[in-house]
């Protein structure tokens, strides 16, 4: 399972991602793709985000069962506390 959450990115990038994944809510993409396709999509997002931000969540053999990657400056921060990911919401 792969989830991309995009903020403030070009509409064209969102359109390109919709070819591979479902967009149940604006900027949220969900699907099941291979690790290679996931990494290629992530590279495209990082190249074309133009000042936006992105969060990638994918299945991984960790304690929580997933891994996170961040790009840019998202509104919410991901904190790593001894191997567990937690979300910090700014006040």
PDB file of N, CA and C in Angstrom:
ATOM      1  N   UNK A   1       0.852  -1.179   0.000  1.00  0.00           N
ATOM      2  CA  UNK A   1       0.000   0.000   0.000  1.00  0.00           C
ATOM      3  C   UNK A   1       0.890   1.233   0.000  1.00  0.00           C
ATOM      4  N   UNK A   2       0.494   2.216  -0.769  1.00  0.00           N
ATOM      5  CA  UNK A   2       1.234   3.471  -0.881  1.00  0.00           C
ATOM      6  C   UNK A   2       0.255   4.627  -0.722  1.00  0.00           C
ATOM      7  N   UNK A   3       0.654   5.633   0.053  1.00  0.00           N
ATOM      8  CA  UNK A   3      -0.145   6.846   0.220  1.00  0.00           C
ATOM      9  C   UNK A   3       0.778   8.047   0.025  1.00  0.00           C
ATOM     10  N   UNK A   4       0.388   8.947  -0.858  1.00  0.00           N
ATOM     11  CA  UNK A   4       1.081  10.217  -1.036  1.00  0.00           C
ATOM     12  C   UNK A   4       0.132  11.316  -0.571  1.00  0.00           C
ATOM     13  N   UNK A   5       0.632  12.259   0.221  1.00  0.00           N
ATOM     14  CA  UNK A   5      -0.145  13.423   0.620  1.00  0.00           C
ATOM     15  C   UNK A   5       0.630  14.649   0.151  1.00  0.00           C
ATOM     16  N   UNK A   6       0.024  15.420  -0.751  1.00  0.00           N
ATOM     17  CA  UNK A   6       0.688  16.565  -1.362  1.00  0.00           C
ATOM     18  C   UNK A   6       0.018  17.857  -0.932  1.00  0.00           C
ATOM     19  N   UNK A   7       0.836  18.885  -0.681  1.00  0.00           N
ATOM     20  CA  UNK A   7       0.338  20.215  -0.327  1.00  0.00           C
ATOM     21  C   UNK A   7       0.998  21.241  -1.235  1.00  0.00           C
ATOM     22  N   UNK A   8       0.201  22.138  -1.774  1.00  0.00           N
ATOM     23  CA  UNK A   8       0.691  23.268  -2.567  1.00  0.00           C
ATOM     24  C   UNK A   8       1.598  22.836  -3.731  1.00  0.00           C
ATOM     25  N   UNK A   9       1.174  21.831  -4.487  1.00  0.00           N
ATOM     26  CA  UNK A   9       1.932  21.383  -5.657  1.00  0.00           C
ATOM     27  C   UNK A   9       1.164  21.740  -6.919  1.00  0.00           C
ATOM     28  N   UNK A  10       1.833  21.784  -8.076  1.00  0.00           N
ATOM     29  CA  UNK A  10       1.147  22.112  -9.332  1.00  0.00           C
ATOM     30  C   UNK A  10       0.049  21.096  -9.668  1.00  0.00           C
ATOM     31  N   UNK A  11      -1.008  21.577 -10.286  1.00  0.00           N
ATOM     32  CA  UNK A  11      -2.134  20.729 -10.672  1.00  0.00           C
ATOM     33  C   UNK A  11      -1.699  19.634 -11.640  1.00  0.00           C
ATOM     34  N   UNK A  12      -0.763  19.950 -12.517  1.00  0.00           N
ATOM     35  CA  UNK A  12      -0.281  18.966 -13.485  1.00  0.00           C
ATOM     36  C   UNK A  12       0.356  17.763 -12.820  1.00  0.00           C
ATOM     37  N   UNK A  13       1.044  17.981 -11.723  1.00  0.00           N
ATOM     38  CA  UNK A  13       1.662  16.880 -10.983  1.00  0.00           C
ATOM     39  C   UNK A  13       0.585  15.982 -10.390  1.00  0.00           C
ATOM     40  N   UNK A  14      -0.455  16.589  -9.847  1.00  0.00           N
ATOM     41  CA  UNK A  14      -1.568  15.801  -9.307  1.00  0.00           C
ATOM     42  C   UNK A  14      -2.236  14.992 -10.419  1.00  0.00           C
ATOM     43  N   UNK A  15      -2.384  15.600 -11.589  1.00  0.00           N
ATOM     44  CA  UNK A  15      -2.971  14.885 -12.718  1.00  0.00           C
ATOM     45  C   UNK A  15      -2.138  13.692 -13.136  1.00  0.00           C
ATOM     46  N   UNK A  16      -0.829  13.864 -13.125  1.00  0.00           N
ATOM     47  CA  UNK A  16       0.071  12.759 -13.480  1.00  0.00           C
ATOM     48  C   UNK A  16      -0.030  11.615 -12.479  1.00  0.00           C
ATOM     49  N   UNK A  17      -0.110  11.943 -11.203  1.00  0.00           N
ATOM     50  CA  UNK A  17      -0.229  10.897 -10.179  1.00  0.00           C
ATOM     51  C   UNK A  17      -1.554  10.151 -10.289  1.00  0.00           C
ATOM     52  N   UNK A  18      -2.596  10.835 -10.740  1.00  0.00           N
ATOM     53  CA  UNK A  18      -3.904  10.183 -10.850  1.00  0.00           C
ATOM     54  C   UNK A  18      -3.910   9.097 -11.925  1.00  0.00           C
ATOM     55  N   UNK A  19      -2.903   9.040 -12.762  1.00  0.00           N
ATOM     56  CA  UNK A  19      -2.779   7.951 -13.743  1.00  0.00           C
ATOM     57  C   UNK A  19      -2.417   6.639 -13.057  1.00  0.00           C
ATOM     58  N   UNK A  20      -1.742   6.738 -11.929  1.00  0.00           N
ATOM     59  CA  UNK A  20      -1.240   5.553 -11.228  1.00  0.00           C
ATOM     60  C   UNK A  20      -2.033   5.220  -9.971  1.00  0.00           C
ATOM     61  N   UNK A  21      -2.606   6.242  -9.338  1.00  0.00           N
ATOM     62  CA  UNK A  21      -3.224   6.072  -8.026  1.00  0.00           C
ATOM     63  C   UNK A  21      -4.596   6.733  -7.987  1.00  0.00           C
ATOM     64  N   UNK A  22      -5.403   6.372  -7.001  1.00  0.00           N
ATOM     65  CA  UNK A  22      -6.689   7.020  -6.783  1.00  0.00           C
ATOM     66  C   UNK A  22      -6.494   8.273  -5.938  1.00  0.00           C
ATOM     67  N   UNK A  23      -7.296   9.303  -6.198  1.00  0.00           N
ATOM     68  CA  UNK A  23      -7.243  10.538  -5.419  1.00  0.00           C
ATOM     69  C   UNK A  23      -8.589  10.708  -4.697  1.00  0.00           C
ATOM     70  N   UNK A  24      -8.764  10.043  -3.520  1.00  0.00           N
ATOM     71  CA  UNK A  24     -10.055  10.122  -2.822  1.00  0.00           C
ATOM     72  C   UNK A  24     -10.362  11.502  -2.258  1.00  0.00           C
ATOM     73  N   UNK A  25      -9.335  12.296  -2.030  1.00  0.00           N
ATOM     74  CA  UNK A  25      -9.485  13.665  -1.538  1.00  0.00           C
ATOM     75  C   UNK A  25      -8.384  14.485  -2.196  1.00  0.00           C
ATOM     76  N   UNK A  26      -8.612  15.759  -2.400  1.00  0.00           N
ATOM     77  CA  UNK A  26      -7.624  16.600  -3.074  1.00  0.00           C
ATOM     78  C   UNK A  26      -6.254  16.485  -2.409  1.00  0.00           C
ATOM     79  N   UNK A  27      -5.258  16.087  -3.185  1.00  0.00           N
ATOM     80  CA  UNK A  27      -3.894  15.998  -2.693  1.00  0.00           C
ATOM     81  C   UNK A  27      -3.549  14.705  -1.984  1.00  0.00           C
ATOM     82  N   UNK A  28      -4.501  13.779  -1.840  1.00  0.00           N
ATOM     83  CA  UNK A  28      -4.253  12.498  -1.183  1.00  0.00           C
ATOM     84  C   UNK A  28      -4.378  11.405  -2.237  1.00  0.00           C
ATOM     85  N   UNK A  29      -3.316  10.627  -2.431  1.00  0.00           N
ATOM     86  CA  UNK A  29      -3.284   9.575  -3.444  1.00  0.00           C
ATOM     87  C   UNK A  29      -3.019   8.241  -2.770  1.00  0.00           C
ATOM     88  N   UNK A  30      -3.792   7.220  -3.157  1.00  0.00           N
ATOM     89  CA  UNK A  30      -3.708   5.905  -2.531  1.00  0.00           C
ATOM     90  C   UNK A  30      -3.656   4.842  -3.616  1.00  0.00           C
ATOM     91  N   UNK A  31      -2.859   3.812  -3.393  1.00  0.00           N
ATOM     92  CA  UNK A  31      -2.828   2.709  -4.343  1.00  0.00           C
ATOM     93  C   UNK A  31      -1.823   1.655  -3.948  1.00  0.00           C
ATOM     94  N   UNK A  32      -1.706   0.675  -4.822  1.00  0.00           N
ATOM     95  CA  UNK A  32      -0.739  -0.391  -4.616  1.00  0.00           C
ATOM     96  C   UNK A  32       0.109  -0.479  -5.873  1.00  0.00           C
ATOM     97  N   UNK A  33       1.365  -0.112  -5.748  1.00  0.00           N
ATOM     98  CA  UNK A  33       2.313  -0.159  -6.860  1.00  0.00           C
ATOM     99  C   UNK A  33       3.593  -0.828  -6.360  1.00  0.00           C
ATOM    100  N   UNK A  34       4.433  -1.242  -7.288  1.00  0.00           N
ATOM    101  CA  UNK A  34       5.704  -1.874  -6.914  1.00  0.00           C
ATOM    102  C   UNK A  34       6.627  -0.848  -6.255  1.00  0.00           C
ATOM    103  N   UNK A  35       7.643  -1.339  -5.589  1.00  0.00           N
ATOM    104  CA  UNK A  35       8.622  -0.453  -4.961  1.00  0.00           C
ATOM    105  C   UNK A  35       9.327   0.428  -5.978  1.00  0.00           C
ATOM    106  N   UNK A  36       9.593  -0.111  -7.161  1.00  0.00           N
ATOM    107  CA  UNK A  36      10.249   0.668  -8.206  1.00  0.00           C
ATOM    108  C   UNK A  36       9.358   1.822  -8.657  1.00  0.00           C
ATOM    109  N   UNK A  37       8.084   1.542  -8.929  1.00  0.00           N
ATOM    110  CA  UNK A  37       7.155   2.590  -9.363  1.00  0.00           C
ATOM    111  C   UNK A  37       6.982   3.615  -8.249  1.00  0.00           C
ATOM    112  N   UNK A  38       6.850   3.153  -7.005  1.00  0.00           N
ATOM    113  CA  UNK A  38       6.731   4.073  -5.857  1.00  0.00           C
ATOM    114  C   UNK A  38       7.918   5.032  -5.814  1.00  0.00           C
ATOM    115  N   UNK A  39       9.132   4.503  -5.955  1.00  0.00           N
ATOM    116  CA  UNK A  39      10.329   5.349  -5.895  1.00  0.00           C
ATOM    117  C   UNK A  39      10.424   6.299  -7.082  1.00  0.00           C
ATOM    118  N   UNK A  40      10.004   5.855  -8.265  1.00  0.00           N
ATOM    119  CA  UNK A  40      10.009   6.743  -9.433  1.00  0.00           C
ATOM    120  C   UNK A  40       8.980   7.863  -9.275  1.00  0.00           C
ATOM    121  N   UNK A  41       7.800   7.529  -8.750  1.00  0.00           N
ATOM    122  CA  UNK A  41       6.796   8.562  -8.498  1.00  0.00           C
ATOM    123  C   UNK A  41       7.292   9.552  -7.450  1.00  0.00           C
ATOM    124  N   UNK A  42       7.962   9.058  -6.409  1.00  0.00           N
ATOM    125  CA  UNK A  42       8.498   9.929  -5.364  1.00  0.00           C
ATOM    126  C   UNK A  42       9.544  10.880  -5.947  1.00  0.00           C
ATOM    127  N   UNK A  43      10.415  10.360  -6.806  1.00  0.00           N
ATOM    128  CA  UNK A  43      11.429  11.211  -7.438  1.00  0.00           C
ATOM    129  C   UNK A  43      10.758  12.297  -8.281  1.00  0.00           C
ATOM    130  N   UNK A  44       9.704  11.944  -9.005  1.00  0.00           N
ATOM    131  CA  UNK A  44       8.974  12.921  -9.823  1.00  0.00           C
ATOM    132  C   UNK A  44       8.340  13.989  -8.940  1.00  0.00           C
ATOM    133  N   UNK A  45       7.742  13.579  -7.833  1.00  0.00           N
ATOM    134  CA  UNK A  45       7.129  14.532  -6.901  1.00  0.00           C
ATOM    135  C   UNK A  45       8.184  15.499  -6.370  1.00  0.00           C
ATOM    136  N   UNK A  46       9.323  14.980  -5.957  1.00  0.00           N
ATOM    137  CA  UNK A  46      10.386  15.827  -5.409  1.00  0.00           C
ATOM    138  C   UNK A  46      10.913  16.811  -6.447  1.00  0.00           C
ATOM    139  N   UNK A  47      11.002  16.387  -7.704  1.00  0.00           N
ATOM    140  CA  UNK A  47      11.492  17.262  -8.770  1.00  0.00           C
ATOM    141  C   UNK A  47      10.490  18.344  -9.151  1.00  0.00           C
ATOM    142  N   UNK A  48       9.209  18.022  -9.130  1.00  0.00           N
ATOM    143  CA  UNK A  48       8.203  18.914  -9.700  1.00  0.00           C
ATOM    144  C   UNK A  48       7.301  19.586  -8.666  1.00  0.00           C
ATOM    145  N   UNK A  49       7.628  19.498  -7.391  1.00  0.00           N
ATOM    146  CA  UNK A  49       6.734  20.050  -6.363  1.00  0.00           C
ATOM    147  C   UNK A  49       6.736  21.572  -6.311  1.00  0.00           C
ATOM    148  N   UNK A  50       7.772  22.225  -6.824  1.00  0.00           N
ATOM    149  CA  UNK A  50       7.854  23.689  -6.924  1.00  0.00           C
ATOM    150  C   UNK A  50       7.463  24.412  -5.638  1.00  0.00           C
ATOM    151  N   UNK A  51       8.160  24.122  -4.575  1.00  0.00           N
ATOM    152  CA  UNK A  51       7.902  24.809  -3.319  1.00  0.00           C
ATOM    153  C   UNK A  51       6.815  24.182  -2.473  1.00  0.00           C
ATOM    154  N   UNK A  52       6.160  23.154  -2.979  1.00  0.00           N
ATOM    155  CA  UNK A  52       5.142  22.455  -2.206  1.00  0.00           C
ATOM    156  C   UNK A  52       5.791  21.447  -1.270  1.00  0.00           C
ATOM    157  N   UNK A  53       4.960  20.601  -0.702  1.00  0.00           N
ATOM    158  CA  UNK A  53       5.494  19.572   0.194  1.00  0.00           C
ATOM    159  C   UNK A  53       4.787  18.261  -0.074  1.00  0.00           C
ATOM    160  N   UNK A  54       5.419  17.178   0.366  1.00  0.00           N
ATOM    161  CA  UNK A  54       4.853  15.856   0.134  1.00  0.00           C
ATOM    162  C   UNK A  54       5.221  14.924   1.274  1.00  0.00           C
ATOM    163  N   UNK A  55       4.342  13.989   1.510  1.00  0.00           N
ATOM    164  CA  UNK A  55       4.551  12.936   2.499  1.00  0.00           C
ATOM    165  C   UNK A  55       4.243  11.622   1.816  1.00  0.00           C
ATOM    166  N   UNK A  56       5.153  10.668   1.926  1.00  0.00           N
ATOM    167  CA  UNK A  56       4.953   9.328   1.386  1.00  0.00           C
ATOM    168  C   UNK A  56       4.864   8.370   2.556  1.00  0.00           C
ATOM    169  N   UNK A  57       3.828   7.546   2.567  1.00  0.00           N
ATOM    170  CA  UNK A  57       3.662   6.495   3.563  1.00  0.00           C
ATOM    171  C   UNK A  57       3.554   5.192   2.793  1.00  0.00           C
ATOM    172  N   UNK A  58       4.391   4.213   3.140  1.00  0.00           N
ATOM    173  CA  UNK A  58       4.330   2.926   2.436  1.00  0.00           C
ATOM    174  C   UNK A  58       4.589   1.781   3.402  1.00  0.00           C
ATOM    175  N   UNK A  59       4.110   0.618   3.034  1.00  0.00           N
ATOM    176  CA  UNK A  59       4.298  -0.575   3.844  1.00  0.00           C
ATOM    177  C   UNK A  59       5.783  -0.865   4.006  1.00  0.00           C
ATOM    178  N   UNK A  60       6.173  -1.281   5.210  1.00  0.00           N
ATOM    179  CA  UNK A  60       7.565  -1.613   5.489  1.00  0.00           C
ATOM    180  C   UNK A  60       7.611  -2.525   6.711  1.00  0.00           C
ATOM    181  N   UNK A  61       8.647  -3.337   6.814  1.00  0.00           N
ATOM    182  CA  UNK A  61       8.761  -4.241   7.968  1.00  0.00           C
ATOM    183  C   UNK A  61       9.291  -3.522   9.213  1.00  0.00           C
ATOM    184  N   UNK A  62       8.508  -2.600   9.740  1.00  0.00           N
ATOM    185  CA  UNK A  62       8.874  -1.867  10.946  1.00  0.00           C
ATOM    186  C   UNK A  62       7.881  -2.197  12.049  1.00  0.00           C
ATOM    187  N   UNK A  63       8.130  -1.679  13.230  1.00  0.00           N
ATOM    188  CA  UNK A  63       7.230  -1.919  14.356  1.00  0.00           C
ATOM    189  C   UNK A  63       5.808  -1.449  14.043  1.00  0.00           C
ATOM    190  N   UNK A  64       5.692  -0.316  13.368  1.00  0.00           N
ATOM    191  CA  UNK A  64       4.378   0.230  13.030  1.00  0.00           C
ATOM    192  C   UNK A  64       3.816  -0.344  11.724  1.00  0.00           C
ATOM    193  N   UNK A  65       4.643  -1.020  10.948  1.00  0.00           N
ATOM    194  CA  UNK A  65       4.185  -1.618   9.696  1.00  0.00           C
ATOM    195  C   UNK A  65       4.257  -0.699   8.494  1.00  0.00           C
ATOM    196  N   UNK A  66       4.845   0.483   8.674  1.00  0.00           N
ATOM    197  CA  UNK A  66       4.980   1.418   7.563  1.00  0.00           C
ATOM    198  C   UNK A  66       6.210   2.292   7.756  1.00  0.00           C
ATOM    199  N   UNK A  67       6.602   2.961   6.662  1.00  0.00           N
ATOM    200  CA  UNK A  67       7.712   3.918   6.689  1.00  0.00           C
ATOM    201  C   UNK A  67       7.214   5.236   6.113  1.00  0.00           C
ATOM    202  N   UNK A  68       7.885   6.318   6.470  1.00  0.00           N
ATOM    203  CA  UNK A  68       7.522   7.667   6.017  1.00  0.00           C
ATOM    204  C   UNK A  68       8.702   8.327   5.323  1.00  0.00           C
ATOM    205  N   UNK A  69       8.376   9.158   4.336  1.00  0.00           N
ATOM    206  CA  UNK A  69       9.366  10.042   3.714  1.00  0.00           C
ATOM    207  C   UNK A  69       8.722  11.413   3.590  1.00  0.00           C
ATOM    208  N   UNK A  70       9.505  12.444   3.796  1.00  0.00           N
ATOM    209  CA  UNK A  70       9.013  13.821   3.698  1.00  0.00           C
ATOM    210  C   UNK A  70       9.805  14.599   2.658  1.00  0.00           C
ATOM    211  N   UNK A  71       9.133  15.548   2.018  1.00  0.00           N
ATOM    212  CA  UNK A  71       9.791  16.473   1.100  1.00  0.00           C
ATOM    213  C   UNK A  71       9.188  17.853   1.311  1.00  0.00           C
ATOM    214  N   UNK A  72      10.021  18.861   1.371  1.00  0.00           N
ATOM    215  CA  UNK A  72       9.530  20.229   1.526  1.00  0.00           C
ATOM    216  C   UNK A  72       9.204  20.541   2.971  1.00  0.00           C
ATOM    217  N   UNK A  73       8.294  21.482   3.151  1.00  0.00           N
ATOM    218  CA  UNK A  73       7.898  21.943   4.486  1.00  0.00           C
ATOM    219  C   UNK A  73       6.401  21.700   4.707  1.00  0.00           C
ATOM    220  N   UNK A  74       6.019  20.497   5.108  1.00  0.00           N
ATOM    221  CA  UNK A  74       4.591  20.241   5.349  1.00  0.00           C
ATOM    222  C   UNK A  74       4.084  20.977   6.581  1.00  0.00           C
ATOM    223  N   UNK A  75       2.780  21.178   6.652  1.00  0.00           N
ATOM    224  CA  UNK A  75       2.183  21.878   7.798  1.00  0.00           C
ATOM    225  C   UNK A  75       2.339  21.072   9.079  1.00  0.00           C
ATOM    226  N   UNK A  76       2.191  19.779   8.967  1.00  0.00           N
ATOM    227  CA  UNK A  76       2.365  18.909  10.132  1.00  0.00           C
ATOM    228  C   UNK A  76       3.744  18.282  10.074  1.00  0.00           C
ATOM    229  N   UNK A  77       4.362  18.137  11.217  1.00  0.00           N
ATOM    230  CA  UNK A  77       5.716  17.585  11.298  1.00  0.00           C
ATOM    231  C   UNK A  77       5.674  16.133  11.747  1.00  0.00           C
ATOM    232  N   UNK A  78       6.533  15.332  11.168  1.00  0.00           N
ATOM    233  CA  UNK A  78       6.685  13.942  11.591  1.00  0.00           C
ATOM    234  C   UNK A  78       7.889  13.881  12.522  1.00  0.00           C
ATOM    235  N   UNK A  79       7.680  13.343  13.693  1.00  0.00           N
ATOM    236  CA  UNK A  79       8.744  13.197  14.689  1.00  0.00           C
ATOM    237  C   UNK A  79       9.045  11.717  14.875  1.00  0.00           C
ATOM    238  N   UNK A  80      10.309  11.385  14.945  1.00  0.00           N
ATOM    239  CA  UNK A  80      10.742  10.005  15.177  1.00  0.00           C
ATOM    240  C   UNK A  80      11.140   9.878  16.645  1.00  0.00           C
ATOM    241  N   UNK A  81      10.370   9.142  17.415  1.00  0.00           N
ATOM    242  CA  UNK A  81      10.659   8.915  18.830  1.00  0.00           C
ATOM    243  C   UNK A  81      11.055   7.463  19.022  1.00  0.00           C
ATOM    244  N   UNK A  82      12.370   7.226  19.047  1.00  0.00           N
ATOM    245  CA  UNK A  82      12.931   5.893  19.252  1.00  0.00           C
ATOM    246  C   UNK A  82      12.347   4.874  18.278  1.00  0.00           C
ATOM    247  N   UNK A  83      12.259   5.257  17.012  1.00  0.00           N
ATOM    248  CA  UNK A  83      11.799   4.350  15.980  1.00  0.00           C
ATOM    249  C   UNK A  83      10.306   4.385  15.705  1.00  0.00           C
ATOM    250  N   UNK A  84       9.538   5.133  16.479  1.00  0.00           N
ATOM    251  CA  UNK A  84       8.109   5.270  16.238  1.00  0.00           C
ATOM    252  C   UNK A  84       7.827   6.653  15.663  1.00  0.00           C
ATOM    253  N   UNK A  85       7.030   6.689  14.613  1.00  0.00           N
ATOM    254  CA  UNK A  85       6.678   7.958  13.997  1.00  0.00           C
ATOM    255  C   UNK A  85       5.435   8.534  14.670  1.00  0.00           C
ATOM    256  N   UNK A  86       5.510   9.795  15.032  1.00  0.00           N
ATOM    257  CA  UNK A  86       4.381  10.524  15.597  1.00  0.00           C
ATOM    258  C   UNK A  86       4.235  11.841  14.826  1.00  0.00           C
ATOM    259  N   UNK A  87       3.030  12.367  14.789  1.00  0.00           N
ATOM    260  CA  UNK A  87       2.751  13.611  14.079  1.00  0.00           C
ATOM    261  C   UNK A  87       2.620  14.751  15.065  1.00  0.00           C
ATOM    262  N   UNK A  88       3.339  15.843  14.798  1.00  0.00           N
ATOM    263  CA  UNK A  88       3.259  17.039  15.613  1.00  0.00           C
ATOM    264  C   UNK A  88       2.438  18.085  14.845  1.00  0.00           C
ATOM    265  N   UNK A  89       1.344  18.505  15.442  1.00  0.00           N
ATOM    266  CA  UNK A  89       0.476  19.503  14.815  1.00  0.00           C
ATOM    267  C   UNK A  89       0.823  20.865  15.405  1.00  0.00           C
ATOM    268  N   UNK A  90       1.185  21.842  14.562  1.00  0.00           N
ATOM    269  CA  UNK A  90       1.521  23.170  15.097  1.00  0.00           C
ATOM    270  C   UNK A  90       0.286  23.850  15.687  1.00  0.00           C
ATOM    271  N   UNK A  91       0.508  24.672  16.702  1.00  0.00           N
ATOM    272  CA  UNK A  91      -0.608  25.382  17.347  1.00  0.00           C
ATOM    273  C   UNK A  91      -1.006  26.603  16.576  1.00  0.00           C
TER     274      UNK A  91
END
